[in-house]
Amino acid sequence: MLKRIQLECRGKSPEEVNDLNLDNCRCTGEPEGLTNEFKALSRLSMVKAGLTTLKGFPDLPNLERLDLSDNRISGTLSCLKGCTSLTHLNLSDNKIKTLDALETLGELPNLTNLDLTNCDVTKVPQYREEVFGLVSNLQFLDGYDANGQEAIDSEDDEADEEEENGQEENNVDGSEEDPDDEEEEEDDEDDVDDGHQLNPEVAGTVAANSNLNQTEDDDDDEDDNSDVDSDEEEEYDLAYIDGDDIQDDDEDDDDYEGGVEQEDEDIDEEDEDGGGESPRGVKRKHQEEEGDEGGDA
């Protein structure tokens, strides 16, 4: 238990410790390691610590809450008379059998809550009346007052009160709003559409899809421009080819006319050189004569 006490002190001196939890800490039967040096101690819990006696329990004048439940304590409780500020004492599930063992509790002027549940003393006739008569300031015994009304756990009330006080302090400290926080709230309101705020994941997906669609549109525009350029190049090539074909046809016509003139010149030369007419020349002359006769007629 001594090592556990040193650990629970967390580097503080005994005079600085206000709350000490020694639950499930096994001992030799007596509260070892606790001394009068813990004079600032206000809460002490030794649940299921293997205690059989309170012999050697120190005087703790500021101790208000003491939980000794689930042990094997029996005999006198006289060692608690130095805990004059004690208001809550839990001795449930112990071996206390007689009312005589409780006589010392009548010397604790501030004791208002006592729990002896599952102790043999609760089987004594007129147990509740006897205990309320023994401890003059006692308000609740085993969770109920003298009229049988259930007690309200004051620890819960104190915790709620502390929480409320903490919230009030936070509200006072944070009464002045940060301008940056107001801007963030305005941005959040802008993101709300018809009462529904866009989920960040959905917003990221929408933005990604928008960028993807924009990229696809740009690619389509580039493909269209490429198709137009290809069509223009194809038309240009066709025009160029057609121009070459037309030029070739013109050259072929020139060659044909030149050949006919050359042929006529050859015929005339033959007529001059041969001194007579060739069959081709006779035929041609005959055609000319027929043409003249047709003209005269």
Protein backbone atom coordinates (compact mmCIF):
# COMPACT_ATOMS: atom_id res chain seq x y z
CA MET A 1 0.00 0.00 0.00
CA LEU A 2 2.89 2.36 0.68
CA LYS A 3 4.07 2.16 -2.94
CA ARG A 4 0.55 2.79 -4.16
CA ILE A 5 0.28 5.88 -1.95
CA GLN A 6 3.54 7.24 -3.37
CA LEU A 7 2.29 6.61 -6.89
CA GLU A 8 -1.06 8.30 -6.25
CA CYS A 9 0.65 11.36 -4.82
CA ARG A 10 2.16 11.97 -8.29
CA GLY A 11 5.21 13.74 -6.97
CA LYS A 12 3.33 15.91 -4.49
CA SER A 13 4.20 16.04 -0.83
CA PRO A 14 1.59 14.56 1.58
CA GLU A 15 0.61 18.06 2.71
CA GLU A 16 -0.42 18.96 -0.89
CA VAL A 17 -2.63 15.93 -1.61
CA ASN A 18 -6.38 16.59 -1.55
CA ASP A 19 -7.76 13.38 -3.08
CA LEU A 20 -6.36 9.88 -2.67
CA ASN A 21 -7.69 6.69 -4.30
CA LEU A 22 -6.38 3.41 -2.91
CA ASP A 23 -9.12 1.10 -4.23
CA ASN A 24 -8.14 -2.56 -4.70
CA CYS A 25 -4.82 -1.93 -3.00
CA ARG A 26 -4.00 -4.98 -0.89
CA CYS A 27 -2.57 -4.52 2.59
CA THR A 28 -1.81 -6.58 5.68
CA GLY A 29 -5.15 -5.61 7.22
CA GLU A 30 -4.21 -2.19 8.54
CA PRO A 31 -4.07 1.15 6.66
CA GLU A 32 -0.34 1.28 5.95
CA GLY A 33 1.46 4.36 4.74
CA LEU A 34 -1.22 6.86 5.81
CA THR A 35 0.10 9.42 8.30
CA ASN A 36 -0.95 12.66 9.91
CA GLU A 37 1.06 14.46 7.20
CA PHE A 38 -1.95 14.16 4.89
CA LYS A 39 -3.64 16.98 6.78
CA ALA A 40 -5.00 18.58 3.55
CA LEU A 41 -6.68 15.37 2.44
CA SER A 42 -10.42 15.84 1.87
CA ARG A 43 -11.34 12.61 0.03
CA LEU A 44 -10.05 9.12 0.66
CA SER A 45 -11.22 5.90 -0.99
CA MET A 46 -10.01 2.48 0.16
CA VAL A 47 -12.61 0.19 -1.43
CA LYS A 48 -11.76 -3.50 -1.40
CA ALA A 49 -8.32 -2.90 0.06
CA GLY A 50 -8.27 -5.95 2.39
CA LEU A 51 -8.72 -3.94 5.59
CA THR A 52 -9.74 -5.83 8.73
CA THR A 53 -9.21 -3.02 11.25
CA LEU A 54 -8.81 0.76 11.39
CA LYS A 55 -6.02 0.54 13.94
CA GLY A 56 -3.40 3.15 13.16
CA PHE A 57 -5.74 5.30 11.08
CA PRO A 58 -4.34 8.88 11.21
CA ASP A 59 -6.07 12.05 12.35
CA LEU A 60 -7.21 13.81 9.17
CA PRO A 61 -8.94 17.02 10.29
CA ASN A 62 -9.93 18.09 6.73
CA LEU A 63 -11.21 14.71 5.56
CA GLU A 64 -14.83 15.03 4.42
CA ARG A 65 -15.51 11.83 2.48
CA LEU A 66 -14.24 8.38 3.45
CA ASP A 67 -15.14 5.21 1.56
CA LEU A 68 -14.17 1.97 3.30
CA SER A 69 -16.73 -0.29 1.62
CA ASP A 70 -16.17 -3.89 0.63
CA ASN A 71 -13.59 -4.71 3.28
CA ARG A 72 -13.61 -6.95 6.41
CA ILE A 73 -13.51 -4.27 9.07
CA SER A 74 -14.81 -5.28 12.50
CA GLY A 75 -14.49 -4.03 16.05
CA THR A 76 -14.30 -0.44 17.22
CA LEU A 77 -14.26 2.66 15.00
CA SER A 78 -12.63 4.86 17.63
CA CYS A 79 -9.69 5.61 15.31
CA LEU A 80 -11.97 7.87 13.28
CA LYS A 81 -12.61 10.39 16.05
CA GLY A 82 -9.78 12.64 14.74
CA CYS A 83 -11.65 13.13 11.43
CA THR A 84 -13.79 15.96 12.77
CA SER A 85 -14.79 17.32 9.30
CA LEU A 86 -16.13 13.97 8.10
CA THR A 87 -19.58 14.29 6.46
CA HIS A 88 -19.86 11.05 4.41
CA LEU A 89 -18.78 7.65 5.70
CA ASN A 90 -19.32 4.44 3.73
CA LEU A 91 -18.83 1.23 5.72
CA SER A 92 -21.09 -1.02 3.61
CA ASP A 93 -20.16 -4.68 3.11
CA ASN A 94 -18.02 -4.92 6.25
CA LYS A 95 -18.12 -7.07 9.40
CA ILE A 96 -19.58 -4.54 11.83
CA LYS A 97 -21.99 -6.43 14.06
CA THR A 98 -22.93 -4.33 17.10
CA LEU A 99 -24.23 -0.85 17.88
CA ASP A 100 -21.38 -0.43 20.40
CA ALA A 101 -18.92 -0.35 17.51
CA LEU A 102 -20.71 2.77 16.24
CA GLU A 103 -20.55 4.80 19.46
CA THR A 104 -17.49 6.79 18.32
CA LEU A 105 -19.46 8.08 15.31
CA GLY A 106 -21.56 10.13 17.71
CA GLU A 107 -18.45 12.26 18.36
CA LEU A 108 -18.25 13.38 14.73
CA PRO A 109 -20.23 16.65 14.68
CA ASN A 110 -20.49 16.96 10.88
CA LEU A 111 -21.39 13.39 9.94
CA THR A 112 -24.62 13.55 7.88
CA ASN A 113 -24.40 10.46 5.64
CA LEU A 114 -23.65 6.95 6.88
CA ASP A 115 -23.88 3.71 4.92
CA LEU A 116 -23.84 0.35 6.71
CA THR A 117 -25.60 -1.66 3.99
CA ASN A 118 -24.92 -5.42 4.16
CA CYS A 119 -23.34 -5.18 7.60
CA ASP A 120 -24.59 -7.51 10.34
CA VAL A 121 -25.51 -4.54 12.53
CA THR A 122 -28.42 -3.77 10.22
CA LYS A 123 -30.12 -6.88 11.60
CA VAL A 124 -30.27 -5.45 15.13
CA PRO A 125 -33.85 -4.61 16.24
CA GLN A 126 -34.73 -0.94 15.90
CA TYR A 127 -31.45 -0.50 14.04
CA ARG A 128 -32.39 2.68 12.20
CA GLU A 129 -33.93 4.42 15.19
CA GLU A 130 -30.91 3.54 17.33
CA VAL A 131 -28.39 4.87 14.82
CA PHE A 132 -30.29 8.12 14.17
CA GLY A 133 -30.45 8.60 17.92
CA LEU A 134 -26.72 7.89 18.31
CA VAL A 135 -25.50 10.30 15.61
CA SER A 136 -27.35 13.53 16.29
CA ASN A 137 -26.62 15.30 12.96
CA LEU A 138 -27.19 12.22 10.78
CA GLN A 139 -29.54 12.92 7.86
CA PHE A 140 -29.28 9.78 5.74
CA LEU A 141 -28.64 6.18 6.77
CA ASP A 142 -28.09 3.58 4.06
CA GLY A 143 -29.37 6.01 1.45
CA TYR A 144 -32.62 7.04 3.20
CA ASP A 145 -33.56 9.66 5.75
CA ALA A 146 -35.40 9.00 9.01
CA ASN A 147 -38.75 9.17 7.16
CA GLY A 148 -37.76 6.71 4.46
CA GLN A 149 -37.12 9.30 1.77
CA GLU A 150 -34.32 8.39 -0.63
CA ALA A 151 -31.25 10.57 -0.55
CA ILE A 152 -30.01 12.51 -3.53
CA ASP A 153 -26.38 11.85 -4.22
CA SER A 154 -24.66 15.07 -3.28
CA GLU A 155 -21.57 14.06 -5.26
CA ASP A 156 -23.61 14.16 -8.47
CA ASP A 157 -25.02 17.54 -7.48
CA GLU A 158 -21.57 18.89 -6.84
CA ALA A 159 -20.29 17.51 -10.17
CA ASP A 160 -23.20 19.11 -12.01
CA GLU A 161 -22.62 22.39 -10.22
CA GLU A 162 -18.91 22.33 -11.07
CA GLU A 163 -19.73 21.56 -14.71
CA GLU A 164 -22.20 24.44 -14.88
CA ASN A 165 -19.69 26.79 -13.30
CA GLY A 166 -17.08 25.67 -15.81
CA GLN A 167 -19.45 26.33 -18.71
CA GLU A 168 -20.30 29.77 -17.34
CA GLU A 169 -16.61 30.60 -17.04
CA ASN A 170 -16.05 29.45 -20.61
CA ASN A 171 -18.93 31.60 -21.80
CA VAL A 172 -17.55 34.61 -19.96
CA ASP A 173 -14.05 34.05 -21.29
CA GLY A 174 -15.34 33.51 -24.82
CA SER A 175 -17.97 36.27 -24.82
CA GLU A 176 -16.08 38.25 -27.42
CA GLU A 177 -16.28 36.46 -30.70
CA ASP A 178 -13.29 36.26 -32.93
CA PRO A 179 -13.77 38.09 -36.27
CA ASP A 180 -12.22 35.11 -38.02
CA ASP A 181 -14.90 32.88 -36.50
CA GLU A 182 -17.60 35.22 -37.84
CA GLU A 183 -16.09 35.05 -41.33
CA GLU A 184 -16.02 31.24 -41.15
CA GLU A 185 -19.68 31.21 -40.10
CA GLU A 186 -20.56 33.46 -43.06
CA ASP A 187 -18.69 31.15 -45.40
CA ASP A 188 -20.59 28.19 -43.97
CA GLU A 189 -23.89 30.00 -44.55
CA ASP A 190 -22.93 30.65 -48.16
CA ASP A 191 -22.36 26.94 -48.61
CA VAL A 192 -25.90 26.16 -47.47
CA ASP A 193 -28.40 25.73 -50.31
CA ASP A 194 -32.11 25.43 -49.49
CA GLY A 195 -31.26 24.48 -45.94
CA HIS A 196 -28.87 21.72 -46.91
CA GLN A 197 -25.14 22.07 -46.56
CA LEU A 198 -23.00 20.41 -49.17
CA ASN A 199 -21.01 17.53 -47.77
CA PRO A 200 -17.24 18.17 -48.15
CA GLU A 201 -16.75 14.80 -49.84
CA VAL A 202 -19.61 15.49 -52.26
CA ALA A 203 -18.26 18.98 -52.92
CA GLY A 204 -14.86 17.52 -53.77
CA THR A 205 -16.46 14.98 -56.11
CA VAL A 206 -18.51 17.67 -57.86
CA ALA A 207 -15.44 19.84 -58.31
CA ALA A 208 -13.47 16.90 -59.70
CA ASN A 209 -16.27 16.02 -62.13
CA SER A 210 -16.51 19.65 -63.24
CA ASN A 211 -12.79 19.77 -63.95
CA LEU A 212 -13.03 16.46 -65.81
CA ASN A 213 -15.93 17.72 -67.95
CA GLN A 214 -14.02 20.91 -68.71
CA THR A 215 -10.99 18.86 -69.76
CA GLU A 216 -13.16 16.66 -72.01
CA ASP A 217 -14.73 19.77 -73.62
CA ASP A 218 -11.26 21.19 -74.30
CA ASP A 219 -10.21 17.87 -75.87
CA ASP A 220 -13.35 17.85 -78.04
CA ASP A 221 -12.59 21.40 -79.22
CA GLU A 222 -9.05 20.39 -80.12
CA ASP A 223 -10.36 17.35 -82.02
CA ASP A 224 -12.84 19.56 -83.94
CA ASN A 225 -10.10 22.02 -84.86
CA SER A 226 -7.92 19.13 -85.96
CA ASP A 227 -10.74 17.76 -88.14
CA VAL A 228 -11.23 21.19 -89.77
CA ASP A 229 -7.53 21.49 -90.50
CA SER A 230 -7.53 17.98 -91.97
CA ASP A 231 -10.53 18.80 -94.21
CA GLU A 232 -8.85 21.98 -95.42
CA GLU A 233 -5.64 20.12 -96.17
CA GLU A 234 -7.61 17.42 -98.03
CA GLU A 235 -9.49 20.02 -100.12
CA TYR A 236 -6.21 21.75 -100.88
CA ASP A 237 -4.66 18.45 -102.01
CA LEU A 238 -7.68 17.68 -104.23
CA ALA A 239 -7.54 21.13 -105.76
CA TYR A 240 -3.86 20.73 -106.40
CA ILE A 241 -4.42 17.32 -108.03
CA ASP A 242 -7.30 18.68 -110.16
CA GLY A 243 -5.09 21.52 -111.28
CA ASP A 244 -2.42 19.09 -112.37
CA ASP A 245 -5.01 17.03 -114.27
CA ILE A 246 -6.32 20.13 -116.05
CA GLN A 247 -2.80 21.18 -116.98
CA ASP A 248 -2.09 17.70 -118.30
CA ASP A 249 -5.27 17.79 -120.42
CA ASP A 250 -4.27 21.15 -121.86
CA GLU A 251 -0.85 19.85 -122.71
CA ASP A 252 -2.42 16.77 -124.34
CA ASP A 253 -4.70 19.02 -126.47
CA ASP A 254 -1.75 21.13 -127.51
CA ASP A 255 0.14 18.02 -128.46
CA TYR A 256 -2.83 16.79 -130.51
CA GLU A 257 -3.27 20.06 -132.43
CA GLY A 258 0.44 20.26 -132.99
CA GLY A 259 0.40 16.73 -134.37
CA VAL A 260 -2.38 17.55 -136.83
CA GLU A 261 -0.56 20.64 -138.10
CA GLN A 262 2.64 18.65 -138.41
CA GLU A 263 0.78 15.98 -140.35
CA ASP A 264 -0.63 18.57 -142.78
CA GLU A 265 2.83 20.04 -143.30
CA ASP A 266 4.21 16.59 -144.00
CA ILE A 267 1.53 16.00 -146.63
CA ASP A 268 2.28 19.31 -148.33
CA GLU A 269 5.96 18.52 -148.36
CA GLU A 270 5.28 15.15 -149.93
CA ASP A 271 3.22 16.82 -152.62
CA GLU A 272 5.98 19.22 -153.44
CA ASP A 273 8.73 16.65 -153.34
CA GLY A 274 6.95 13.89 -155.24
CA GLY A 275 5.56 16.05 -158.02
CA GLY A 276 2.31 14.21 -157.67
CA GLU A 277 -0.46 13.71 -155.23
CA SER A 278 -0.51 11.02 -152.66
CA PRO A 279 -3.65 9.09 -151.97
CA ARG A 280 -4.19 11.06 -148.84
CA GLY A 281 -3.74 14.32 -150.73
CA VAL A 282 -6.18 13.22 -153.45
CA LYS A 283 -8.76 12.39 -150.83
CA ARG A 284 -8.34 15.67 -149.14
CA LYS A 285 -8.58 17.56 -152.42
CA HIS A 286 -11.71 15.67 -153.30
CA GLN A 287 -13.26 16.68 -149.96
CA GLU A 288 -12.40 20.30 -150.63
CA GLU A 289 -13.95 20.19 -154.08
CA GLU A 290 -17.13 18.70 -152.73
CA GLY A 291 -17.22 21.46 -150.18
CA ASP A 292 -16.87 24.10 -152.85
CA GLU A 293 -19.63 22.59 -154.97
CA GLY A 294 -21.90 22.53 -151.98
CA GLY A 295 -21.15 26.20 -151.45
CA ASP A 296 -21.91 27.11 -155.06
CA ALA A 297 -25.14 25.28 -154.98
